[in-house]
Protein backbone atom coordinates (compact mmCIF):
# COMPACT_ATOMS: atom_id res chain seq x y z
CA MET A 1 267.82 -91.37 204.14
CA ARG A 2 265.83 -93.12 206.49
CA TYR A 3 265.64 -93.14 210.51
CA PHE A 4 264.01 -94.89 213.16
CA LEU A 5 263.23 -93.40 216.04
CA ASP A 6 262.91 -95.59 219.48
CA LEU A 7 260.80 -93.94 221.58
CA ALA A 8 258.36 -94.22 225.36
CA TYR A 9 255.50 -92.34 226.21
CA ARG A 10 252.94 -91.84 228.82
CA GLY A 11 249.51 -91.60 226.87
CA ALA A 12 247.44 -89.68 229.86
CA ARG A 13 247.38 -86.36 228.02
CA PHE A 14 247.05 -88.00 224.15
CA HIS A 15 244.15 -88.51 222.00
CA GLY A 16 245.95 -91.26 221.07
CA TRP A 17 249.21 -92.00 218.78
CA GLN A 18 247.73 -91.09 215.27
CA VAL A 19 247.39 -87.23 213.62
CA GLN A 20 243.89 -86.43 214.12
CA PRO A 21 242.63 -82.68 213.47
CA GLY A 22 242.43 -80.68 216.40
CA MET A 23 244.09 -82.81 218.76
CA VAL A 24 247.40 -83.16 220.51
CA THR A 25 248.62 -86.76 219.66
CA VAL A 26 251.95 -88.63 219.89
CA GLN A 27 252.75 -88.46 216.10
CA SER A 28 251.98 -84.51 216.42
CA THR A 29 254.09 -83.87 219.01
CA ILE A 30 256.91 -85.60 217.75
CA GLU A 31 256.50 -84.27 214.11
CA ASP A 32 255.90 -80.45 214.98
CA ALA A 33 258.95 -80.79 216.96
CA LEU A 34 261.31 -82.87 214.34
CA ALA A 35 259.82 -79.74 212.06
CA ARG A 36 261.15 -76.97 214.34
CA LEU A 37 264.17 -78.85 214.44
CA CYS A 38 264.76 -79.35 210.76
CA ARG A 39 262.99 -76.33 209.33
CA ARG A 40 260.62 -78.69 206.77
CA PRO A 41 257.80 -80.69 207.36
CA VAL A 42 258.79 -83.82 208.46
CA PRO A 43 256.22 -87.01 208.29
CA ILE A 44 256.42 -89.85 210.80
CA THR A 45 255.52 -93.15 210.23
CA GLY A 46 254.29 -95.44 213.47
CA ALA A 47 254.71 -99.34 214.49
CA GLY A 48 250.91 -99.15 214.91
CA ARG A 49 248.49 -96.85 216.77
CA THR A 50 247.56 -96.79 220.66
CA ASP A 51 244.16 -95.07 221.25
CA ALA A 52 243.56 -92.11 223.99
CA GLY A 53 245.80 -92.73 227.24
CA VAL A 54 247.21 -96.05 225.50
CA ASN A 55 250.89 -95.54 227.00
CA ALA A 56 254.08 -97.49 225.74
CA ARG A 57 257.61 -98.26 226.73
CA GLN A 58 258.80 -99.02 223.21
CA MET A 59 257.12 -97.80 219.88
CA VAL A 60 259.18 -97.31 216.80
CA ALA A 61 258.35 -95.10 214.51
CA HIS A 62 260.99 -94.12 211.20
CA PHE A 63 261.09 -90.99 209.11
CA ASP A 64 263.10 -89.40 205.71
CA LEU A 65 265.69 -86.84 205.77
CA PRO A 66 268.51 -85.43 202.97
CA GLU A 67 271.84 -87.32 203.00
CA GLY A 68 273.66 -85.27 205.91
CA PHE A 69 271.47 -84.94 208.58
CA ASP A 70 273.10 -85.82 211.90
CA PRO A 71 271.35 -87.31 214.90
CA SER A 72 273.73 -86.50 217.07
CA ASP A 73 273.48 -86.53 221.03
CA ARG A 74 272.66 -83.05 220.61
CA PHE A 75 270.01 -82.79 218.64
CA LEU A 76 268.30 -86.04 220.38
CA HIS A 77 269.06 -83.99 223.57
CA SER A 78 266.90 -81.01 221.64
CA LEU A 79 264.45 -83.32 220.00
CA ASN A 80 263.63 -84.53 223.56
CA ALA A 81 262.94 -81.25 224.87
CA LEU A 82 260.57 -79.81 222.43
CA CYS A 83 258.39 -83.05 223.09
CA GLY A 84 258.04 -82.54 226.59
CA PRO A 85 257.47 -84.36 229.73
CA ASP A 86 255.36 -87.05 228.08
CA ILE A 87 257.44 -88.60 225.29
CA ALA A 88 261.09 -89.74 225.42
CA ILE A 89 263.62 -90.67 222.57
CA ARG A 90 265.75 -93.47 223.38
CA SER A 91 267.30 -93.37 220.02
CA ILE A 92 267.64 -92.21 216.22
CA ARG A 93 269.13 -94.99 213.99
CA PRO A 94 269.90 -94.89 210.40
CA VAL A 95 267.67 -97.65 208.37
CA ALA A 96 267.42 -98.95 204.54
CA PRO A 97 265.90 -96.65 202.72
CA ASP A 98 262.72 -99.48 202.10
CA ALA A 99 263.19 -99.93 206.16
CA HIS A 100 258.86 -99.67 207.21
CA ALA A 101 258.04 -98.94 210.76
CA ARG A 102 254.96 -100.71 210.54
CA PHE A 103 255.17 -102.85 207.86
CA ASP A 104 258.63 -104.93 208.79
CA ALA A 105 257.43 -105.22 212.40
CA VAL A 106 256.91 -109.32 213.17
CA GLU A 107 255.41 -109.08 216.15
CA ARG A 108 254.12 -106.55 219.12
CA SER A 109 253.30 -106.88 222.97
CA TYR A 110 251.21 -105.58 225.13
CA ARG A 111 251.21 -105.67 229.13
CA TYR A 112 247.88 -104.61 230.74
CA PHE A 113 248.50 -104.60 234.81
CA VAL A 114 246.58 -105.12 237.92
CA HIS A 115 246.68 -104.70 241.60
CA THR A 116 244.15 -106.75 243.59
CA ALA A 117 245.06 -104.23 246.99
CA LYS A 118 245.17 -100.27 247.67
CA ASP A 119 247.91 -99.25 246.20
CA PRO A 120 248.74 -95.55 246.17
CA PHE A 121 251.54 -96.03 244.16
CA CYS A 122 249.76 -97.74 241.49
CA THR A 123 246.56 -95.70 241.22
CA GLU A 124 246.90 -94.10 238.23
CA LEU A 125 248.63 -96.81 235.82
CA SER A 126 247.50 -100.00 237.22
CA TRP A 127 243.56 -101.42 237.41
CA GLN A 128 242.29 -101.83 240.93
CA ALA A 129 241.01 -106.08 240.77
CA PRO A 130 238.71 -107.64 242.88
CA PRO A 131 241.16 -109.25 245.79
CA THR A 132 238.94 -112.64 244.49
CA LEU A 133 239.60 -112.23 240.97
CA ASP A 134 240.55 -115.97 240.15
CA PHE A 135 243.23 -115.89 237.68
CA GLU A 136 243.96 -119.13 237.34
CA LEU A 137 240.89 -119.49 235.81
CA MET A 138 241.89 -116.71 233.37
CA ASN A 139 245.14 -118.11 232.18
CA GLU A 140 242.58 -121.02 231.23
CA ALA A 141 240.48 -119.18 228.92
CA ALA A 142 243.39 -117.24 227.58
CA GLN A 143 244.54 -120.27 226.20
CA LEU A 144 241.78 -120.31 224.33
CA LEU A 145 242.36 -117.68 221.96
CA LEU A 146 246.13 -118.78 220.77
CA GLY A 147 247.02 -119.17 217.08
CA ARG A 148 245.36 -117.66 213.33
CA ARG A 149 241.98 -116.20 213.99
CA ASP A 150 239.76 -114.08 213.91
CA PHE A 151 239.25 -111.80 215.90
CA THR A 152 236.28 -109.67 214.93
CA SER A 153 234.60 -110.63 218.47
CA PHE A 154 237.39 -108.03 219.91
CA SER A 155 238.01 -105.45 217.88
CA LYS A 156 236.60 -101.67 217.69
CA LEU A 157 233.51 -101.54 215.22
CA HIS A 158 234.09 -100.54 211.24
CA THR A 159 237.65 -100.09 211.39
CA ASP A 160 239.70 -99.61 208.73
CA VAL A 161 241.23 -102.33 208.30
CA LYS A 162 241.63 -105.17 205.44
CA THR A 163 241.07 -108.04 207.05
CA ASN A 164 240.51 -109.09 211.69
CA ILE A 165 242.65 -112.21 211.62
CA CYS A 166 246.00 -112.11 214.35
CA ASP A 167 248.25 -114.78 214.95
CA LEU A 168 248.07 -115.04 218.37
CA ARG A 169 251.26 -116.68 219.81
CA ALA A 170 251.30 -115.54 223.77
CA ALA A 171 248.21 -114.61 226.38
CA ARG A 172 248.86 -115.30 229.87
CA TRP A 173 248.23 -113.88 233.63
CA LEU A 174 252.11 -113.23 235.55
CA GLN A 175 252.28 -112.60 238.92
CA THR A 176 254.95 -109.98 239.88
CA ASP A 177 254.12 -110.18 243.64
CA PRO A 178 251.13 -111.29 246.24
CA THR A 179 248.44 -108.23 245.47
CA HIS A 180 250.65 -107.14 241.25
CA TRP A 181 249.49 -109.26 238.23
CA TYR A 182 250.02 -108.22 234.51
CA PHE A 183 248.38 -110.04 231.66
CA GLU A 184 251.02 -110.61 228.43
CA ILE A 185 250.06 -110.67 225.00
CA VAL A 186 251.59 -111.28 222.32
CA ALA A 187 250.63 -111.18 218.65
CA ASP A 188 251.94 -110.20 214.97
CA ARG A 189 249.44 -107.46 214.59
CA PHE A 190 246.61 -106.13 217.47
CA LEU A 191 242.99 -104.38 215.96
CA ARG A 192 241.83 -101.41 217.99
CA ASN A 193 240.84 -101.84 221.08
CA MET A 194 241.35 -105.53 220.96
CA VAL A 195 243.52 -105.72 223.93
CA ARG A 196 241.07 -104.37 226.37
CA ALA A 197 238.54 -106.17 224.79
CA VAL A 198 240.22 -109.40 225.64
CA VAL A 199 240.96 -108.14 229.65
CA GLY A 200 237.93 -107.24 229.92
CA THR A 201 236.31 -110.25 228.69
CA LEU A 202 239.09 -112.22 230.66
CA VAL A 203 237.76 -110.60 233.89
CA ASN A 204 234.34 -111.72 233.32
CA VAL A 205 235.81 -115.16 233.50
CA GLY A 206 237.73 -114.50 237.12
CA ARG A 207 234.59 -112.87 238.33
CA HIS A 208 232.66 -116.34 237.54
CA LYS A 209 230.98 -114.31 235.07
CA ILE A 210 231.36 -116.83 232.71
CA THR A 211 233.84 -119.78 232.03
CA PRO A 212 236.22 -120.52 229.90
CA ALA A 213 234.46 -122.25 227.15
CA ASP A 214 231.83 -118.69 226.78
CA VAL A 215 235.45 -117.13 225.19
CA ALA A 216 235.78 -119.60 222.92
CA ALA A 217 232.59 -119.28 221.28
CA ILE A 218 232.60 -115.13 221.47
CA LEU A 219 235.68 -115.63 219.81
CA ALA A 220 233.96 -118.14 217.40
CA ALA A 221 230.77 -115.13 217.84
CA LYS A 222 232.59 -112.84 215.08
CA ASP A 223 230.57 -109.86 217.26
CA ARG A 224 232.32 -107.38 219.42
CA CYS A 225 228.77 -107.69 221.21
CA ALA A 226 229.72 -110.65 223.07
CA ALA A 227 233.20 -109.54 224.50
CA GLY A 228 233.28 -107.85 227.49
CA GLU A 229 233.71 -104.39 227.81
CA SER A 230 236.56 -102.67 227.43
CA MET A 231 238.83 -101.47 229.94
CA PRO A 232 240.37 -98.97 231.09
CA ALA A 233 243.37 -97.56 228.98
CA ALA A 234 246.06 -96.21 231.38
CA PRO A 235 246.96 -99.72 233.00
CA LEU A 236 247.95 -100.60 229.40
CA PHE A 237 250.87 -100.61 227.63
CA LEU A 238 252.79 -101.22 224.13
CA TRP A 239 255.69 -103.02 225.22
CA GLN A 240 257.78 -104.35 222.86
CA VAL A 241 257.97 -103.82 218.93
CA ASN A 242 260.34 -106.86 217.16
CA TYR A 243 261.86 -106.26 214.22
CA PRO A 244 263.88 -109.03 211.70
CA TYR A 245 267.39 -106.68 211.81
């Protein structure tokens, strides 16, 4: 029988989501915990991958176990205890046998947090931006990225994906108080390092190093070297994963 895990994690101590030999990852930590509880290997498949240091407010993964498995509150409590303080398993629910955490997801969103004045409560999960950053101009530039486009310029090189086409449905900077902002980006799928590269490019707009028109040209170039530098990982959160069921 197939089950969906709904979880959150803080990425600081993990080398990303995906299992890597000799590395502590979110996926390997959960699989090890499930194997201990179920006394058998339990591979899981996530809705996507996050890079080292990136957080998730919501990640979804699926796994299979024989009939008779009972995802009780006690099991959930034990799983959370084994996963450690940086992973929270929020729920386990049965789904259709062919449900797929990655391929069935219709939309994903990320948020990147910044603050423009020194704040001791944000230093680990938000990037301190210069107070002169032009968010209005950054929003103008972000609108030029919307639509179904080739995002090669914002993708890590030499990845194993078949296409760099993504349907970008929202990209905007939102202010929560006078010194705190976040960038929200929504698409059907994302490429490796894409969000951090987009944010880095928009920050160059906000610093008046490039113009919104330059962002359109960078997108058209299909060249990673044309875009801005990749921003730090810690302020980035996989925010939500949506399914049609």
